[in-house]
mmCIF file of all heavy atoms, coordinates in Angstrom:
data_MODEL
# 
_entry.id   MODEL 
# 
loop_
_atom_site.group_PDB 
_atom_site.id 
_atom_site.type_symbol 
_atom_site.label_atom_id 
_atom_site.label_alt_id 
_atom_site.label_comp_id 
_atom_site.label_asym_id 
_atom_site.label_entity_id 
_atom_site.label_seq_id 
_atom_site.pdbx_PDB_ins_code 
_atom_site.Cartn_x 
_atom_site.Cartn_y 
_atom_site.Cartn_z 
_atom_site.occupancy 
_atom_site.B_iso_or_equiv 
_atom_site.pdbx_formal_charge 
_atom_site.auth_seq_id 
_atom_site.auth_comp_id 
_atom_site.auth_asym_id 
_atom_site.auth_atom_id 
_atom_site.pdbx_PDB_model_num 
ATOM 1   N N   . GLY A 1 1  ? 10.094  -4.582  -3.125 1.00 0.00 ? 1  GLY A N   1 
ATOM 2   C CA  . GLY A 1 1  ? 10.472  -5.976  -2.948 1.00 0.00 ? 1  GLY A CA  1 
ATOM 3   C C   . GLY A 1 1  ? 9.250   -6.842  -2.763 1.00 0.00 ? 1  GLY A C   1 
ATOM 4   O O   . GLY A 1 1  ? 8.129   -6.352  -2.587 1.00 0.00 ? 1  GLY A O   1 
ATOM 5   N N   . LYS A 1 2  ? 9.454   -8.146  -2.821 1.00 0.00 ? 2  LYS A N   1 
ATOM 6   C CA  . LYS A 1 2  ? 8.351   -9.078  -2.586 1.00 0.00 ? 2  LYS A CA  1 
ATOM 7   C C   . LYS A 1 2  ? 8.919   -10.447 -2.276 1.00 0.00 ? 2  LYS A C   1 
ATOM 8   O O   . LYS A 1 2  ? 10.082  -10.758 -2.556 1.00 0.00 ? 2  LYS A O   1 
ATOM 9   C CB  . LYS A 1 2  ? 7.438   -9.152  -3.807 1.00 0.00 ? 2  LYS A CB  1 
ATOM 10  C CG  . LYS A 1 2  ? 8.083   -9.739  -5.052 1.00 0.00 ? 2  LYS A CG  1 
ATOM 11  C CD  . LYS A 1 2  ? 7.095   -9.812  -6.210 1.00 0.00 ? 2  LYS A CD  1 
ATOM 12  C CE  . LYS A 1 2  ? 7.763   -10.408 -7.452 1.00 0.00 ? 2  LYS A CE  1 
ATOM 13  N NZ  . LYS A 1 2  ? 6.829   -10.520 -8.594 1.00 0.00 ? 2  LYS A NZ  1 
ATOM 14  N N   . ASN A 1 3  ? 8.089   -11.280 -1.660 1.00 0.00 ? 3  ASN A N   1 
ATOM 15  C CA  . ASN A 1 3  ? 8.384   -12.700 -1.503 1.00 0.00 ? 3  ASN A CA  1 
ATOM 16  C C   . ASN A 1 3  ? 7.089   -13.460 -1.723 1.00 0.00 ? 3  ASN A C   1 
ATOM 17  O O   . ASN A 1 3  ? 6.099   -12.874 -2.195 1.00 0.00 ? 3  ASN A O   1 
ATOM 18  C CB  . ASN A 1 3  ? 9.017   -12.994 -0.133 1.00 0.00 ? 3  ASN A CB  1 
ATOM 19  C CG  . ASN A 1 3  ? 8.140   -12.570 1.031  1.00 0.00 ? 3  ASN A CG  1 
ATOM 20  O OD1 . ASN A 1 3  ? 6.902   -12.621 0.957  1.00 0.00 ? 3  ASN A OD1 1 
ATOM 21  N ND2 . ASN A 1 3  ? 8.765   -12.121 2.113  1.00 0.00 ? 3  ASN A ND2 1 
ATOM 22  N N   . LYS A 1 4  ? 7.057   -14.729 -1.403 1.00 0.00 ? 4  LYS A N   1 
ATOM 23  C CA  . LYS A 1 4  ? 5.852   -15.510 -1.702 1.00 0.00 ? 4  LYS A CA  1 
ATOM 24  C C   . LYS A 1 4  ? 4.685   -15.168 -0.780 1.00 0.00 ? 4  LYS A C   1 
ATOM 25  O O   . LYS A 1 4  ? 3.544   -15.562 -1.056 1.00 0.00 ? 4  LYS A O   1 
ATOM 26  C CB  . LYS A 1 4  ? 6.162   -17.003 -1.624 1.00 0.00 ? 4  LYS A CB  1 
ATOM 27  C CG  . LYS A 1 4  ? 6.534   -17.507 -0.245 1.00 0.00 ? 4  LYS A CG  1 
ATOM 28  C CD  . LYS A 1 4  ? 6.810   -19.006 -0.288 1.00 0.00 ? 4  LYS A CD  1 
ATOM 29  C CE  . LYS A 1 4  ? 7.169   -19.543 1.090  1.00 0.00 ? 4  LYS A CE  1 
ATOM 30  N NZ  . LYS A 1 4  ? 7.428   -21.004 1.052  1.00 0.00 ? 4  LYS A NZ  1 
ATOM 31  N N   . HIS A 1 5  ? 4.968   -14.413 0.299  1.00 0.00 ? 5  HIS A N   1 
ATOM 32  C CA  . HIS A 1 5  ? 3.928   -14.096 1.271  1.00 0.00 ? 5  HIS A CA  1 
ATOM 33  C C   . HIS A 1 5  ? 3.350   -12.702 1.118  1.00 0.00 ? 5  HIS A C   1 
ATOM 34  O O   . HIS A 1 5  ? 2.167   -12.489 1.392  1.00 0.00 ? 5  HIS A O   1 
ATOM 35  C CB  . HIS A 1 5  ? 4.479   -14.247 2.692  1.00 0.00 ? 5  HIS A CB  1 
ATOM 36  C CG  . HIS A 1 5  ? 4.989   -15.614 2.995  1.00 0.00 ? 5  HIS A CG  1 
ATOM 37  N ND1 . HIS A 1 5  ? 4.185   -16.727 3.026  1.00 0.00 ? 5  HIS A ND1 1 
ATOM 38  C CD2 . HIS A 1 5  ? 6.258   -16.046 3.275  1.00 0.00 ? 5  HIS A CD2 1 
ATOM 39  C CE1 . HIS A 1 5  ? 4.924   -17.795 3.317  1.00 0.00 ? 5  HIS A CE1 1 
ATOM 40  N NE2 . HIS A 1 5  ? 6.174   -17.409 3.471  1.00 0.00 ? 5  HIS A NE2 1 
ATOM 41  N N   . TYR A 1 6  ? 4.169   -11.727 0.721  1.00 0.00 ? 6  TYR A N   1 
ATOM 42  C CA  . TYR A 1 6  ? 3.684   -10.349 0.672  1.00 0.00 ? 6  TYR A CA  1 
ATOM 43  C C   . TYR A 1 6  ? 4.557   -9.497  -0.236 1.00 0.00 ? 6  TYR A C   1 
ATOM 44  O O   . TYR A 1 6  ? 5.658   -9.891  -0.636 1.00 0.00 ? 6  TYR A O   1 
ATOM 45  C CB  . TYR A 1 6  ? 3.622   -9.732  2.067  1.00 0.00 ? 6  TYR A CB  1 
ATOM 46  C CG  . TYR A 1 6  ? 4.904   -9.840  2.869  1.00 0.00 ? 6  TYR A CG  1 
ATOM 47  C CD1 . TYR A 1 6  ? 6.022   -9.069  2.554  1.00 0.00 ? 6  TYR A CD1 1 
ATOM 48  C CD2 . TYR A 1 6  ? 4.998   -10.717 3.957  1.00 0.00 ? 6  TYR A CD2 1 
ATOM 49  C CE1 . TYR A 1 6  ? 7.189   -9.163  3.287  1.00 0.00 ? 6  TYR A CE1 1 
ATOM 50  C CE2 . TYR A 1 6  ? 6.168   -10.823 4.693  1.00 0.00 ? 6  TYR A CE2 1 
ATOM 51  C CZ  . TYR A 1 6  ? 7.253   -10.040 4.359  1.00 0.00 ? 6  TYR A CZ  1 
ATOM 52  O OH  . TYR A 1 6  ? 8.423   -10.136 5.085  1.00 0.00 ? 6  TYR A OH  1 
ATOM 53  N N   . ILE A 1 7  ? 4.038   -8.296  -0.535 1.00 0.00 ? 7  ILE A N   1 
ATOM 54  C CA  . ILE A 1 7  ? 4.767   -7.284  -1.294 1.00 0.00 ? 7  ILE A CA  1 
ATOM 55  C C   . ILE A 1 7  ? 5.240   -6.208  -0.329 1.00 0.00 ? 7  ILE A C   1 
ATOM 56  O O   . ILE A 1 7  ? 4.511   -5.818  0.596  1.00 0.00 ? 7  ILE A O   1 
ATOM 57  C CB  . ILE A 1 7  ? 3.866   -6.667  -2.377 1.00 0.00 ? 7  ILE A CB  1 
ATOM 58  C CG1 . ILE A 1 7  ? 3.568   -7.714  -3.454 1.00 0.00 ? 7  ILE A CG1 1 
ATOM 59  C CG2 . ILE A 1 7  ? 4.519   -5.442  -3.017 1.00 0.00 ? 7  ILE A CG2 1 
ATOM 60  C CD1 . ILE A 1 7  ? 2.551   -7.263  -4.475 1.00 0.00 ? 7  ILE A CD1 1 
ATOM 61  N N   . ILE A 1 8  ? 6.450   -5.728  -0.522 1.00 0.00 ? 8  ILE A N   1 
ATOM 62  C CA  . ILE A 1 8  ? 6.998   -4.657  0.310  1.00 0.00 ? 8  ILE A CA  1 
ATOM 63  C C   . ILE A 1 8  ? 6.882   -3.360  -0.464 1.00 0.00 ? 8  ILE A C   1 
ATOM 64  O O   . ILE A 1 8  ? 7.323   -3.271  -1.621 1.00 0.00 ? 8  ILE A O   1 
ATOM 65  C CB  . ILE A 1 8  ? 8.478   -4.927  0.645  1.00 0.00 ? 8  ILE A CB  1 
ATOM 66  C CG1 . ILE A 1 8  ? 8.651   -6.307  1.283  1.00 0.00 ? 8  ILE A CG1 1 
ATOM 67  C CG2 . ILE A 1 8  ? 9.028   -3.832  1.574  1.00 0.00 ? 8  ILE A CG2 1 
ATOM 68  C CD1 . ILE A 1 8  ? 10.082  -6.803  1.297  1.00 0.00 ? 8  ILE A CD1 1 
ATOM 69  N N   . VAL A 1 9  ? 6.266   -2.359  0.150  1.00 0.00 ? 9  VAL A N   1 
ATOM 70  C CA  . VAL A 1 9  ? 6.097   -1.078  -0.516 1.00 0.00 ? 9  VAL A CA  1 
ATOM 71  C C   . VAL A 1 9  ? 6.650   0.031   0.362  1.00 0.00 ? 9  VAL A C   1 
ATOM 72  O O   . VAL A 1 9  ? 6.749   -0.104  1.582  1.00 0.00 ? 9  VAL A O   1 
ATOM 73  C CB  . VAL A 1 9  ? 4.612   -0.794  -0.829 1.00 0.00 ? 9  VAL A CB  1 
ATOM 74  C CG1 . VAL A 1 9  ? 4.026   -1.891  -1.711 1.00 0.00 ? 9  VAL A CG1 1 
ATOM 75  C CG2 . VAL A 1 9  ? 3.788   -0.617  0.443  1.00 0.00 ? 9  VAL A CG2 1 
ATOM 76  N N   . GLU A 1 10 ? 7.007   1.143   -0.296 1.00 0.00 ? 10 GLU A N   1 
ATOM 77  C CA  . GLU A 1 10 ? 7.491   2.324   0.413  1.00 0.00 ? 10 GLU A CA  1 
ATOM 78  C C   . GLU A 1 10 ? 6.520   3.474   0.153  1.00 0.00 ? 10 GLU A C   1 
ATOM 79  O O   . GLU A 1 10 ? 6.175   3.749   -1.006 1.00 0.00 ? 10 GLU A O   1 
ATOM 80  C CB  . GLU A 1 10 ? 8.891   2.679   -0.078 1.00 0.00 ? 10 GLU A CB  1 
ATOM 81  C CG  . GLU A 1 10 ? 9.564   3.771   0.733  1.00 0.00 ? 10 GLU A CG  1 
ATOM 82  C CD  . GLU A 1 10 ? 11.058  3.834   0.415  1.00 0.00 ? 10 GLU A CD  1 
ATOM 83  O OE1 . GLU A 1 10 ? 11.398  4.369   -0.656 1.00 0.00 ? 10 GLU A OE1 1 
ATOM 84  O OE2 . GLU A 1 10 ? 11.865  3.338   1.213  1.00 0.00 ? 10 GLU A OE2 1 
ATOM 85  N N   . LEU A 1 11 ? 6.078   4.116   1.224  1.00 0.00 ? 11 LEU A N   1 
ATOM 86  C CA  . LEU A 1 11 ? 5.151   5.233   1.086  1.00 0.00 ? 11 LEU A CA  1 
ATOM 87  C C   . LEU A 1 11 ? 5.833   6.388   0.374  1.00 0.00 ? 11 LEU A C   1 
ATOM 88  O O   . LEU A 1 11 ? 6.991   6.708   0.640  1.00 0.00 ? 11 LEU A O   1 
ATOM 89  C CB  . LEU A 1 11 ? 4.657   5.681   2.458  1.00 0.00 ? 11 LEU A CB  1 
ATOM 90  C CG  . LEU A 1 11 ? 3.949   4.612   3.302  1.00 0.00 ? 11 LEU A CG  1 
ATOM 91  C CD1 . LEU A 1 11 ? 3.567   5.187   4.664  1.00 0.00 ? 11 LEU A CD1 1 
ATOM 92  C CD2 . LEU A 1 11 ? 2.727   4.071   2.585  1.00 0.00 ? 11 LEU A CD2 1 
ATOM 93  N N   . GLN A 1 12 ? 5.100   7.035   -0.531 1.00 0.00 ? 12 GLN A N   1 
ATOM 94  C CA  . GLN A 1 12 ? 5.660   8.112   -1.347 1.00 0.00 ? 12 GLN A CA  1 
ATOM 95  C C   . GLN A 1 12 ? 5.011   9.452   -0.980 1.00 0.00 ? 12 GLN A C   1 
ATOM 96  O O   . GLN A 1 12 ? 3.815   9.523   -0.665 1.00 0.00 ? 12 GLN A O   1 
ATOM 97  C CB  . GLN A 1 12 ? 5.422   7.831   -2.827 1.00 0.00 ? 12 GLN A CB  1 
ATOM 98  C CG  . GLN A 1 12 ? 6.053   6.544   -3.331 1.00 0.00 ? 12 GLN A CG  1 
ATOM 99  C CD  . GLN A 1 12 ? 7.563   6.586   -3.311 1.00 0.00 ? 12 GLN A CD  1 
ATOM 100 O OE1 . GLN A 1 12 ? 8.175   7.393   -4.009 1.00 0.00 ? 12 GLN A OE1 1 
ATOM 101 N NE2 . GLN A 1 12 ? 8.168   5.715   -2.514 1.00 0.00 ? 12 GLN A NE2 1 
ATOM 102 N N   . GLY A 1 13 ? 5.804   10.507  -1.060 1.00 0.00 ? 13 GLY A N   1 
ATOM 103 C CA  . GLY A 1 13 ? 5.283   11.854  -0.869 1.00 0.00 ? 13 GLY A CA  1 
ATOM 104 C C   . GLY A 1 13 ? 4.570   12.033  0.453  1.00 0.00 ? 13 GLY A C   1 
ATOM 105 O O   . GLY A 1 13 ? 5.086   11.682  1.513  1.00 0.00 ? 13 GLY A O   1 
ATOM 106 N N   . GLU A 1 14 ? 3.336   12.569  0.386  1.00 0.00 ? 14 GLU A N   1 
ATOM 107 C CA  . GLU A 1 14 ? 2.552   12.834  1.588  1.00 0.00 ? 14 GLU A CA  1 
ATOM 108 C C   . GLU A 1 14 ? 1.637   11.676  1.959  1.00 0.00 ? 14 GLU A C   1 
ATOM 109 O O   . GLU A 1 14 ? 0.858   11.769  2.912  1.00 0.00 ? 14 GLU A O   1 
ATOM 110 C CB  . GLU A 1 14 ? 1.702   14.106  1.370  1.00 0.00 ? 14 GLU A CB  1 
ATOM 111 C CG  . GLU A 1 14 ? 2.513   15.373  1.112  1.00 0.00 ? 14 GLU A CG  1 
ATOM 112 C CD  . GLU A 1 14 ? 3.419   15.701  2.274  1.00 0.00 ? 14 GLU A CD  1 
ATOM 113 O OE1 . GLU A 1 14 ? 2.979   15.575  3.433  1.00 0.00 ? 14 GLU A OE1 1 
ATOM 114 O OE2 . GLU A 1 14 ? 4.581   16.102  2.031  1.00 0.00 ? 14 GLU A OE2 1 
ATOM 115 N N   . ALA A 1 15 ? 1.693   10.590  1.223  1.00 0.00 ? 15 ALA A N   1 
ATOM 116 C CA  . ALA A 1 15 ? 0.787   9.461   1.477  1.00 0.00 ? 15 ALA A CA  1 
ATOM 117 C C   . ALA A 1 15 ? 1.061   8.847   2.844  1.00 0.00 ? 15 ALA A C   1 
ATOM 118 O O   . ALA A 1 15 ? 2.214   8.699   3.255  1.00 0.00 ? 15 ALA A O   1 
ATOM 119 C CB  . ALA A 1 15 ? 0.952   8.407   0.385  1.00 0.00 ? 15 ALA A CB  1 
ATOM 120 N N   . ASP A 1 16 ? -0.016  8.498   3.556  1.00 0.00 ? 16 ASP A N   1 
ATOM 121 C CA  . ASP A 1 16 ? 0.132   7.745   4.792  1.00 0.00 ? 16 ASP A CA  1 
ATOM 122 C C   . ASP A 1 16 ? -0.602  6.419   4.646  1.00 0.00 ? 16 ASP A C   1 
ATOM 123 O O   . ASP A 1 16 ? -1.289  6.169   3.640  1.00 0.00 ? 16 ASP A O   1 
ATOM 124 C CB  . ASP A 1 16 ? -0.357  8.537   6.013  1.00 0.00 ? 16 ASP A CB  1 
ATOM 125 C CG  . ASP A 1 16 ? -1.841  8.875   5.943  1.00 0.00 ? 16 ASP A CG  1 
ATOM 126 O OD1 . ASP A 1 16 ? -2.594  8.155   5.256  1.00 0.00 ? 16 ASP A OD1 1 
ATOM 127 O OD2 . ASP A 1 16 ? -2.252  9.864   6.578  1.00 0.00 ? 16 ASP A OD2 1 
ATOM 128 N N   . GLN A 1 17 ? -0.473  5.554   5.642  1.00 0.00 ? 17 GLN A N   1 
ATOM 129 C CA  . GLN A 1 17 ? -1.018  4.211   5.515  1.00 0.00 ? 17 GLN A CA  1 
ATOM 130 C C   . GLN A 1 17 ? -2.549  4.216   5.416  1.00 0.00 ? 17 GLN A C   1 
ATOM 131 O O   . GLN A 1 17 ? -3.142  3.349   4.763  1.00 0.00 ? 17 GLN A O   1 
ATOM 132 C CB  . GLN A 1 17 ? -0.566  3.341   6.676  1.00 0.00 ? 17 GLN A CB  1 
ATOM 133 C CG  . GLN A 1 17 ? -1.022  3.796   8.034  1.00 0.00 ? 17 GLN A CG  1 
ATOM 134 C CD  . GLN A 1 17 ? -0.465  2.905   9.134  1.00 0.00 ? 17 GLN A CD  1 
ATOM 135 O OE1 . GLN A 1 17 ? 0.290   1.975   8.861  1.00 0.00 ? 17 GLN A OE1 1 
ATOM 136 N NE2 . GLN A 1 17 ? -0.859  3.167   10.369 1.00 0.00 ? 17 GLN A NE2 1 
ATOM 137 N N   . TRP A 1 18 ? -3.194  5.203   6.052  1.00 0.00 ? 18 TRP A N   1 
ATOM 138 C CA  . TRP A 1 18 ? -4.657  5.235   6.010  1.00 0.00 ? 18 TRP A CA  1 
ATOM 139 C C   . TRP A 1 18 ? -5.155  5.591   4.608  1.00 0.00 ? 18 TRP A C   1 
ATOM 140 O O   . TRP A 1 18 ? -6.150  5.022   4.129  1.00 0.00 ? 18 TRP A O   1 
ATOM 141 C CB  . TRP A 1 18 ? -5.182  6.240   7.039  1.00 0.00 ? 18 TRP A CB  1 
ATOM 142 C CG  . TRP A 1 18 ? -4.599  5.982   8.406  1.00 0.00 ? 18 TRP A CG  1 
ATOM 143 C CD1 . TRP A 1 18 ? -3.766  6.789   9.105  1.00 0.00 ? 18 TRP A CD1 1 
ATOM 144 C CD2 . TRP A 1 18 ? -4.776  4.804   9.196  1.00 0.00 ? 18 TRP A CD2 1 
ATOM 145 N NE1 . TRP A 1 18 ? -3.410  6.198   10.297 1.00 0.00 ? 18 TRP A NE1 1 
ATOM 146 C CE2 . TRP A 1 18 ? -4.022  4.981   10.370 1.00 0.00 ? 18 TRP A CE2 1 
ATOM 147 C CE3 . TRP A 1 18 ? -5.493  3.617   9.032  1.00 0.00 ? 18 TRP A CE3 1 
ATOM 148 C CZ2 . TRP A 1 18 ? -3.955  4.028   11.383 1.00 0.00 ? 18 TRP A CZ2 1 
ATOM 149 C CZ3 . TRP A 1 18 ? -5.449  2.661   10.025 1.00 0.00 ? 18 TRP A CZ3 1 
ATOM 150 C CH2 . TRP A 1 18 ? -4.683  2.866   11.184 1.00 0.00 ? 18 TRP A CH2 1 
ATOM 151 N N   . HIS A 1 19 ? -4.477  6.501   3.966  1.00 0.00 ? 19 HIS A N   1 
ATOM 152 C CA  . HIS A 1 19 ? -4.832  6.833   2.577  1.00 0.00 ? 19 HIS A CA  1 
ATOM 153 C C   . HIS A 1 19 ? -4.626  5.624   1.679  1.00 0.00 ? 19 HIS A C   1 
ATOM 154 O O   . HIS A 1 19 ? -5.478  5.322   0.814  1.00 0.00 ? 19 HIS A O   1 
ATOM 155 C CB  . HIS A 1 19 ? -3.974  8.004   2.098  1.00 0.00 ? 19 HIS A CB  1 
ATOM 156 C CG  . HIS A 1 19 ? -4.131  8.297   0.636  1.00 0.00 ? 19 HIS A CG  1 
ATOM 157 N ND1 . HIS A 1 19 ? -5.252  8.904   0.109  1.00 0.00 ? 19 HIS A ND1 1 
ATOM 158 C CD2 . HIS A 1 19 ? -3.306  8.028   -0.425 1.00 0.00 ? 19 HIS A CD2 1 
ATOM 159 C CE1 . HIS A 1 19 ? -5.112  9.017   -1.195 1.00 0.00 ? 19 HIS A CE1 1 
ATOM 160 N NE2 . HIS A 1 19 ? -3.938  8.502   -1.546 1.00 0.00 ? 19 HIS A NE2 1 
ATOM 161 N N   . VAL A 1 20 ? -3.511  4.921   1.865  1.00 0.00 ? 20 VAL A N   1 
ATOM 162 C CA  . VAL A 1 20 ? -3.226  3.739   1.050  1.00 0.00 ? 20 VAL A CA  1 
ATOM 163 C C   . VAL A 1 20 ? -4.298  2.674   1.267  1.00 0.00 ? 20 VAL A C   1 
ATOM 164 O O   . VAL A 1 20 ? -4.790  2.047   0.319  1.00 0.00 ? 20 VAL A O   1 
ATOM 165 C CB  . VAL A 1 20 ? -1.822  3.190   1.361  1.00 0.00 ? 20 VAL A CB  1 
ATOM 166 C CG1 . VAL A 1 20 ? -1.600  1.849   0.665  1.00 0.00 ? 20 VAL A CG1 1 
ATOM 167 C CG2 . VAL A 1 20 ? -0.756  4.195   0.927  1.00 0.00 ? 20 VAL A CG2 1 
ATOM 168 N N   . LEU A 1 21 ? -4.685  2.463   2.515  1.00 0.00 ? 21 LEU A N   1 
ATOM 169 C CA  . LEU A 1 21 ? -5.740  1.479   2.812  1.00 0.00 ? 21 LEU A CA  1 
ATOM 170 C C   . LEU A 1 21 ? -7.045  1.837   2.108  1.00 0.00 ? 21 LEU A C   1 
ATOM 171 O O   . LEU A 1 21 ? -7.742  0.960   1.580  1.00 0.00 ? 21 LEU A O   1 
ATOM 172 C CB  . LEU A 1 21 ? -5.955  1.392   4.324  1.00 0.00 ? 21 LEU A CB  1 
ATOM 173 C CG  . LEU A 1 21 ? -4.984  0.508   5.100  1.00 0.00 ? 21 LEU A CG  1 
ATOM 174 C CD1 . LEU A 1 21 ? -5.146  0.742   6.613  1.00 0.00 ? 21 LEU A CD1 1 
ATOM 175 C CD2 . LEU A 1 21 ? -5.194  -0.964  4.768  1.00 0.00 ? 21 LEU A CD2 1 
ATOM 176 N N   . GLU A 1 22 ? -7.380  3.111   2.114  1.00 0.00 ? 22 GLU A N   1 
ATOM 177 C CA  . GLU A 1 22 ? -8.610  3.542   1.446  1.00 0.00 ? 22 GLU A CA  1 
ATOM 178 C C   . GLU A 1 22 ? -8.534  3.291   -0.058 1.00 0.00 ? 22 GLU A C   1 
ATOM 179 O O   . GLU A 1 22 ? -9.514  2.835   -0.686 1.00 0.00 ? 22 GLU A O   1 
ATOM 180 C CB  . GLU A 1 22 ? -8.851  5.033   1.715  1.00 0.00 ? 22 GLU A CB  1 
ATOM 181 C CG  . GLU A 1 22 ? -10.063 5.626   1.019  1.00 0.00 ? 22 GLU A CG  1 
ATOM 182 C CD  . GLU A 1 22 ? -11.369 4.970   1.433  1.00 0.00 ? 22 GLU A CD  1 
ATOM 183 O OE1 . GLU A 1 22 ? -11.435 4.350   2.529  1.00 0.00 ? 22 GLU A OE1 1 
ATOM 184 O OE2 . GLU A 1 22 ? -12.351 5.066   0.656  1.00 0.00 ? 22 GLU A OE2 1 
ATOM 185 N N   . GLU A 1 23 ? -7.366  3.546   -0.655 1.00 0.00 ? 23 GLU A N   1 
ATOM 186 C CA  . GLU A 1 23 ? -7.197  3.294   -2.074 1.00 0.00 ? 23 GLU A CA  1 
ATOM 187 C C   . GLU A 1 23 ? -7.259  1.804   -2.394 1.00 0.00 ? 23 GLU A C   1 
ATOM 188 O O   . GLU A 1 23 ? -7.803  1.407   -3.436 1.00 0.00 ? 23 GLU A O   1 
ATOM 189 C CB  . GLU A 1 23 ? -5.867  3.888   -2.558 1.00 0.00 ? 23 GLU A CB  1 
ATOM 190 C CG  . GLU A 1 23 ? -5.795  5.409   -2.487 1.00 0.00 ? 23 GLU A CG  1 
ATOM 191 C CD  . GLU A 1 23 ? -6.876  6.069   -3.318 1.00 0.00 ? 23 GLU A CD  1 
ATOM 192 O OE1 . GLU A 1 23 ? -7.020  5.684   -4.503 1.00 0.00 ? 23 GLU A OE1 1 
ATOM 193 O OE2 . GLU A 1 23 ? -7.575  6.954   -2.787 1.00 0.00 ? 23 GLU A OE2 1 
ATOM 194 N N   . LEU A 1 24 ? -6.730  0.993   -1.525 1.00 0.00 ? 24 LEU A N   1 
ATOM 195 C CA  . LEU A 1 24 ? -6.814  -0.456  -1.715 1.00 0.00 ? 24 LEU A CA  1 
ATOM 196 C C   . LEU A 1 24 ? -8.274  -0.910  -1.667 1.00 0.00 ? 24 LEU A C   1 
ATOM 197 O O   . LEU A 1 24 ? -8.695  -1.789  -2.430 1.00 0.00 ? 24 LEU A O   1 
ATOM 198 C CB  . LEU A 1 24 ? -5.990  -1.182  -0.639 1.00 0.00 ? 24 LEU A CB  1 
ATOM 199 C CG  . LEU A 1 24 ? -4.468  -0.999  -0.686 1.00 0.00 ? 24 LEU A CG  1 
ATOM 200 C CD1 . LEU A 1 24 ? -3.815  -1.632  0.537  1.00 0.00 ? 24 LEU A CD1 1 
ATOM 201 C CD2 . LEU A 1 24 ? -3.883  -1.606  -1.963 1.00 0.00 ? 24 LEU A CD2 1 
ATOM 202 N N   . ARG A 1 25 ? -9.054  -0.324  -0.762 1.00 0.00 ? 25 ARG A N   1 
ATOM 203 C CA  . ARG A 1 25 ? -10.478 -0.675  -0.649 1.00 0.00 ? 25 ARG A CA  1 
ATOM 204 C C   . ARG A 1 25 ? -11.214 -0.316  -1.934 1.00 0.00 ? 25 ARG A C   1 
ATOM 205 O O   . ARG A 1 25 ? -12.052 -1.090  -2.423 1.00 0.00 ? 25 ARG A O   1 
ATOM 206 C CB  . ARG A 1 25 ? -11.096 0.057   0.547  1.00 0.00 ? 25 ARG A CB  1 
ATOM 207 C CG  . ARG A 1 25 ? -12.542 -0.327  0.840  1.00 0.00 ? 25 ARG A CG  1 
ATOM 208 C CD  . ARG A 1 25 ? -13.160 0.609   1.843  1.00 0.00 ? 25 ARG A CD  1 
ATOM 209 N NE  . ARG A 1 25 ? -13.296 1.965   1.309  1.00 0.00 ? 25 ARG A NE  1 
ATOM 210 C CZ  . ARG A 1 25 ? -14.257 2.343   0.471  1.00 0.00 ? 25 ARG A CZ  1 
ATOM 211 N NH1 . ARG A 1 25 ? -15.160 1.462   0.035  1.00 0.00 ? 25 ARG A NH1 1 
ATOM 212 N NH2 . ARG A 1 25 ? -14.315 3.592   0.055  1.00 0.00 ? 25 ARG A NH2 1 
ATOM 213 N N   . LYS A 1 26 ? -10.895 0.855   -2.488 1.00 0.00 ? 26 LYS A N   1 
ATOM 214 C CA  . LYS A 1 26 ? -11.547 1.297   -3.723 1.00 0.00 ? 26 LYS A CA  1 
ATOM 215 C C   . LYS A 1 26 ? -11.256 0.341   -4.882 1.00 0.00 ? 26 LYS A C   1 
ATOM 216 O O   . LYS A 1 26 ? -12.052 0.223   -5.811 1.00 0.00 ? 26 LYS A O   1 
ATOM 217 C CB  . LYS A 1 26 ? -11.076 2.702   -4.089 1.00 0.00 ? 26 LYS A CB  1 
ATOM 218 C CG  . LYS A 1 26 ? -11.579 3.791   -3.151 1.00 0.00 ? 26 LYS A CG  1 
ATOM 219 C CD  . LYS A 1 26 ? -11.010 5.150   -3.565 1.00 0.00 ? 26 LYS A CD  1 
ATOM 220 C CE  . LYS A 1 26 ? -11.472 6.243   -2.625 1.00 0.00 ? 26 LYS A CE  1 
ATOM 221 N NZ  . LYS A 1 26 ? -10.877 7.576   -2.989 1.00 0.00 ? 26 LYS A NZ  1 
ATOM 222 N N   . LEU A 1 27 ? -10.104 -0.314  -4.827 1.00 0.00 ? 27 LEU A N   1 
ATOM 223 C CA  . LEU A 1 27 ? -9.735  -1.269  -5.884 1.00 0.00 ? 27 LEU A CA  1 
ATOM 224 C C   . LEU A 1 27 ? -10.299 -2.665  -5.624 1.00 0.00 ? 27 LEU A C   1 
ATOM 225 O O   . LEU A 1 27 ? -9.990  -3.609  -6.356 1.00 0.00 ? 27 LEU A O   1 
ATOM 226 C CB  . LEU A 1 27 ? -8.204  -1.346  -5.987 1.00 0.00 ? 27 LEU A CB  1 
ATOM 227 C CG  . LEU A 1 27 ? -7.503  -0.099  -6.532 1.00 0.00 ? 27 LEU A CG  1 
ATOM 228 C CD1 . LEU A 1 27 ? -5.993  -0.219  -6.356 1.00 0.00 ? 27 LEU A CD1 1 
ATOM 229 C CD2 . LEU A 1 27 ? -7.852  0.132   -7.996 1.00 0.00 ? 27 LEU A CD2 1 
ATOM 230 N N   . ASN A 1 28 ? -11.120 -2.776  -4.573 1.00 0.00 ? 28 ASN A N   1 
ATOM 231 C CA  . ASN A 1 28 ? -11.734 -4.064  -4.209 1.00 0.00 ? 28 ASN A CA  1 
ATOM 232 C C   . ASN A 1 28 ? -10.691 -5.140  -3.905 1.00 0.00 ? 28 ASN A C   1 
ATOM 233 O O   . ASN A 1 28 ? -10.868 -6.318  -4.225 1.00 0.00 ? 28 ASN A O   1 
ATOM 234 C CB  . ASN A 1 28 ? -12.677 -4.557  -5.317 1.00 0.00 ? 28 ASN A CB  1 
ATOM 235 C CG  . ASN A 1 28 ? -13.888 -3.653  -5.480 1.00 0.00 ? 28 ASN A CG  1 
ATOM 236 O OD1 . ASN A 1 28 ? -14.480 -3.221  -4.491 1.00 0.00 ? 28 ASN A OD1 1 
ATOM 237 N ND2 . ASN A 1 28 ? -14.237 -3.365  -6.733 1.00 0.00 ? 28 ASN A ND2 1 
# 
């Protein structure tokens, strides 16, 4: 989901928020 302020995501598989944050950093 999304609205004008943010995107809503659901963590998949074994992913945790710290892994996701690191991947976001890699994408600049």
